[in-house]
């Protein structure tokens, strides 16, 4: 990992990654027992036609876990990725991004990681890996059995109060949501984006009383 040569607009994200504490990101933290499926996601920032943007994908509706949800590229660590406590998540995030979107990892500079978080419903312990897309390459669906579509979202759309809402799960759980690129981004992915915007100082005041109910199958 390196922060050398990053665009200055990423400085607040670099600072947040260095200073944020796990409880500031989520109330769902990895079990102290060490249990859970070790995984990683790639939080990839690029510089698009409308300024800074994030790479997202929509998971195939046939998947067993988080079917149909917009997400960051990512997945479980494989043995060849290495130690999950050191470089394993970095390798896994890039490998999974390449497998799911066709991304060329040579065009990505990893510059930080956020604290590991836990997704209780699927038992994933997730390391968000931060990357700078310094040399963008074409991306698209590689395997339709895993991915429905691949798309980028301008950060300006994510910070636009008109695109923000609170998702309400049938279980009663409330969490941040973003209505962007014909998608409803919610759950773990929306939570990470929400906290990055907040701790990077990019968040704009928005109507937290605006609610979006989720389908019972979500």
Protein backbone atom coordinates (compact mmCIF):
# COMPACT_ATOMS: atom_id res chain seq x y z
CA UNK A 1 0.00 0.00 0.00
CA UNK A 2 1.10 3.55 -0.67
CA UNK A 3 -0.36 7.06 -0.50
CA UNK A 4 2.31 8.53 -2.78
CA UNK A 5 0.88 10.28 -5.82
CA UNK A 6 -2.76 10.23 -4.75
CA UNK A 7 -4.96 13.15 -5.84
CA UNK A 8 -5.40 15.74 -3.10
CA UNK A 9 -9.16 15.19 -2.94
CA UNK A 10 -8.47 11.75 -1.43
CA UNK A 11 -6.56 13.26 1.51
CA UNK A 12 -9.66 13.26 3.78
CA UNK A 13 -10.25 9.57 3.02
CA UNK A 14 -6.62 8.75 3.81
CA UNK A 15 -6.93 10.61 7.11
CA UNK A 16 -10.19 8.85 7.96
CA UNK A 17 -8.67 5.42 7.28
CA UNK A 18 -5.81 6.20 9.64
CA UNK A 19 -7.91 7.54 12.49
CA UNK A 20 -11.36 5.94 12.47
CA UNK A 21 -12.13 3.36 15.15
CA UNK A 22 -14.25 0.22 14.55
CA UNK A 23 -17.24 1.33 16.69
CA UNK A 24 -17.37 4.56 14.69
CA UNK A 25 -18.09 2.55 11.54
CA UNK A 26 -20.62 0.01 12.73
CA UNK A 27 -22.13 -1.66 15.78
CA UNK A 28 -21.55 -5.00 14.04
CA UNK A 29 -17.95 -5.95 14.80
CA UNK A 30 -16.12 -9.27 14.31
CA UNK A 31 -16.66 -11.91 17.01
CA UNK A 32 -13.91 -11.91 19.64
CA UNK A 33 -13.68 -15.68 19.17
CA UNK A 34 -12.23 -15.16 15.70
CA UNK A 35 -15.17 -16.91 14.07
CA UNK A 36 -16.58 -15.76 10.76
CA UNK A 37 -15.79 -16.05 7.06
CA UNK A 38 -12.82 -13.83 6.27
CA UNK A 39 -13.49 -11.62 3.26
CA UNK A 40 -12.58 -8.30 1.67
CA UNK A 41 -14.17 -5.69 -0.58
CA UNK A 42 -12.53 -3.12 -2.84
CA UNK A 43 -13.68 0.45 -2.22
CA UNK A 44 -12.35 1.87 -5.46
CA UNK A 45 -12.24 5.61 -6.12
CA UNK A 46 -11.78 6.90 -9.66
CA UNK A 47 -11.84 10.25 -11.40
CA UNK A 48 -14.76 10.23 -13.83
CA UNK A 49 -16.41 12.68 -16.18
CA UNK A 50 -18.29 14.22 -13.24
CA UNK A 51 -15.44 14.14 -10.77
CA UNK A 52 -14.65 11.56 -8.08
CA UNK A 53 -16.62 8.35 -8.35
CA UNK A 54 -16.95 4.87 -6.81
CA UNK A 55 -17.07 1.50 -8.55
CA UNK A 56 -20.06 -0.66 -7.61
CA UNK A 57 -21.71 -3.79 -8.93
CA UNK A 58 -25.07 -5.47 -8.56
CA UNK A 59 -24.98 -9.05 -7.37
CA UNK A 60 -26.88 -11.68 -9.36
CA UNK A 61 -30.37 -12.45 -8.07
CA UNK A 62 -29.55 -16.17 -8.00
CA UNK A 63 -26.79 -15.92 -5.36
CA UNK A 64 -27.30 -17.44 -1.92
CA UNK A 65 -25.94 -14.41 -0.01
CA UNK A 66 -27.06 -10.80 -0.56
CA UNK A 67 -28.74 -11.65 -3.88
CA UNK A 68 -29.58 -8.66 -6.08
CA UNK A 69 -27.88 -6.13 -3.82
CA UNK A 70 -25.57 -3.40 -5.09
CA UNK A 71 -22.16 -3.90 -3.51
CA UNK A 72 -18.46 -3.28 -3.72
CA UNK A 73 -16.52 -5.93 -5.64
CA UNK A 74 -15.23 -8.52 -3.20
CA UNK A 75 -15.61 -11.89 -1.59
CA UNK A 76 -14.07 -14.53 0.62
CA UNK A 77 -10.34 -14.91 1.08
CA UNK A 78 -8.79 -17.93 -0.64
CA UNK A 79 -5.82 -19.78 0.92
CA UNK A 80 -3.50 -18.38 -1.77
CA UNK A 81 -4.42 -14.82 -0.75
CA UNK A 82 -2.33 -15.25 2.39
CA UNK A 83 -2.70 -14.20 5.99
CA UNK A 84 -6.06 -12.48 6.68
CA UNK A 85 -4.32 -10.41 9.37
CA UNK A 86 -1.81 -8.86 6.94
CA UNK A 87 -1.83 -8.79 3.12
CA UNK A 88 -4.53 -11.41 2.55
CA UNK A 89 -7.42 -8.93 2.29
CA UNK A 90 -5.46 -6.73 -0.15
CA UNK A 91 -4.87 -9.63 -2.53
CA UNK A 92 -8.43 -10.89 -2.14
CA UNK A 93 -9.99 -7.50 -2.86
CA UNK A 94 -8.04 -7.10 -6.10
CA UNK A 95 -8.53 -10.72 -7.16
CA UNK A 96 -12.27 -10.63 -6.59
CA UNK A 97 -12.60 -7.28 -8.37
CA UNK A 98 -10.83 -8.71 -11.39
CA UNK A 99 -12.96 -11.87 -11.36
CA UNK A 100 -16.25 -9.98 -10.99
CA UNK A 101 -15.72 -6.87 -13.14
CA UNK A 102 -12.75 -7.58 -15.42
CA UNK A 103 -10.82 -4.81 -13.69
CA UNK A 104 -7.08 -4.71 -14.45
CA UNK A 105 -5.47 -4.65 -10.98
CA UNK A 106 -2.35 -3.02 -12.42
CA UNK A 107 -4.36 0.18 -12.73
CA UNK A 108 -5.18 0.27 -9.01
CA UNK A 109 -3.13 1.73 -6.16
CA UNK A 110 -4.17 0.45 -2.74
CA UNK A 111 -3.77 3.17 -0.15
CA UNK A 112 -5.52 2.05 3.03
CA UNK A 113 -7.87 -0.28 4.85
CA UNK A 114 -10.77 0.36 7.17
CA UNK A 115 -11.33 -1.66 10.35
CA UNK A 116 -12.82 -5.12 9.85
CA UNK A 117 -16.60 -5.27 10.14
CA UNK A 118 -19.12 -8.08 10.55
CA UNK A 119 -22.21 -9.02 8.53
CA UNK A 120 -24.21 -11.24 10.91
CA UNK A 121 -26.73 -12.49 8.34
CA UNK A 122 -24.00 -14.12 6.21
CA UNK A 123 -21.27 -14.54 8.88
CA UNK A 124 -18.76 -12.50 6.84
CA UNK A 125 -15.89 -10.67 8.53
CA UNK A 126 -15.15 -7.98 5.95
CA UNK A 127 -12.06 -5.82 5.47
CA UNK A 128 -12.83 -2.75 3.30
CA UNK A 129 -9.72 -2.10 1.17
CA UNK A 130 -9.34 1.42 -0.24
CA UNK A 131 -8.02 1.91 -3.75
CA UNK A 132 -7.26 4.68 -6.27
CA UNK A 133 -8.08 3.84 -9.89
CA UNK A 134 -5.18 5.74 -11.43
CA UNK A 135 -5.43 3.97 -14.80
CA UNK A 136 -9.06 3.02 -15.51
CA UNK A 137 -9.73 0.02 -17.73
CA UNK A 138 -13.04 -1.25 -19.15
CA UNK A 139 -15.21 -3.09 -16.64
CA UNK A 140 -18.32 -5.18 -17.17
CA UNK A 141 -20.05 -8.35 -16.03
CA UNK A 142 -17.67 -11.31 -16.23
CA UNK A 143 -19.93 -14.07 -14.93
CA UNK A 144 -23.70 -13.37 -15.04
CA UNK A 145 -24.18 -16.09 -12.43
CA UNK A 146 -22.38 -13.82 -9.95
CA UNK A 147 -22.89 -10.29 -11.22
CA UNK A 148 -25.90 -8.58 -12.82
CA UNK A 149 -24.17 -5.32 -13.75
CA UNK A 150 -21.15 -3.14 -13.04
CA UNK A 151 -21.40 0.64 -12.74
CA UNK A 152 -19.78 3.76 -11.31
CA UNK A 153 -21.46 6.38 -9.12
CA UNK A 154 -20.24 9.99 -8.86
CA UNK A 155 -19.49 10.96 -5.28
CA UNK A 156 -21.52 14.12 -5.93
CA UNK A 157 -24.60 11.92 -6.42
CA UNK A 158 -23.89 10.06 -3.19
CA UNK A 159 -23.64 13.33 -1.26
CA UNK A 160 -26.75 14.84 -2.89
CA UNK A 161 -29.45 15.01 -0.18
CA UNK A 162 -32.08 14.22 -2.83
CA UNK A 163 -30.52 10.77 -3.27
CA UNK A 164 -30.36 9.85 0.40
CA UNK A 165 -32.85 7.98 2.56
CA UNK A 166 -33.18 5.58 5.47
CA UNK A 167 -33.80 1.96 4.48
CA UNK A 168 -36.22 0.09 6.73
CA UNK A 169 -35.87 -3.69 6.78
CA UNK A 170 -38.93 -5.84 7.67
CA UNK A 171 -36.96 -6.94 10.75
CA UNK A 172 -37.14 -3.35 11.98
CA UNK A 173 -33.48 -2.53 11.29
CA UNK A 174 -32.86 0.97 9.97
CA UNK A 175 -29.80 1.98 7.95
CA UNK A 176 -28.58 4.50 5.39
CA UNK A 177 -29.53 4.13 1.73
CA UNK A 178 -28.67 5.80 -1.56
CA UNK A 179 -30.92 5.97 -4.62
CA UNK A 180 -28.40 6.29 -7.46
CA UNK A 181 -27.90 4.90 -10.98
CA UNK A 182 -31.33 3.22 -10.94
CA UNK A 183 -30.28 1.27 -7.84
CA UNK A 184 -31.09 1.28 -4.16
CA UNK A 185 -27.79 0.91 -2.32
CA UNK A 186 -28.39 -0.26 1.24
CA UNK A 187 -27.03 -2.64 3.87
CA UNK A 188 -23.31 -3.10 4.45
CA UNK A 189 -22.27 -1.20 1.30
CA UNK A 190 -24.41 1.83 2.09
CA UNK A 191 -23.16 1.80 5.67
CA UNK A 192 -19.51 1.94 4.57
CA UNK A 193 -20.23 4.70 2.03
CA UNK A 194 -22.16 6.67 4.65
CA UNK A 195 -19.29 6.52 7.13
CA UNK A 196 -16.67 7.42 4.51
CA UNK A 197 -18.68 10.48 3.48
CA UNK A 198 -19.09 11.46 7.11
CA UNK A 199 -15.49 11.07 8.26
CA UNK A 200 -14.08 12.55 5.05
CA UNK A 201 -16.16 15.66 5.67
CA UNK A 202 -18.10 15.21 2.41
CA UNK A 203 -21.51 14.56 3.95
CA UNK A 204 -24.26 17.12 3.36
CA UNK A 205 -27.32 17.50 5.61
CA UNK A 206 -30.10 15.19 4.47
CA UNK A 207 -33.60 14.21 5.57
CA UNK A 208 -33.15 11.15 7.79
CA UNK A 209 -36.93 10.84 8.18
CA UNK A 210 -37.28 9.93 4.51
CA UNK A 211 -37.78 6.17 4.57
CA UNK A 212 -37.55 3.46 1.92
CA UNK A 213 -39.11 0.12 2.93
CA UNK A 214 -37.23 -3.00 1.85
CA UNK A 215 -38.89 -6.10 0.48
CA UNK A 216 -39.23 -8.94 3.02
CA UNK A 217 -36.87 -11.06 0.87
CA UNK A 218 -34.04 -8.52 1.22
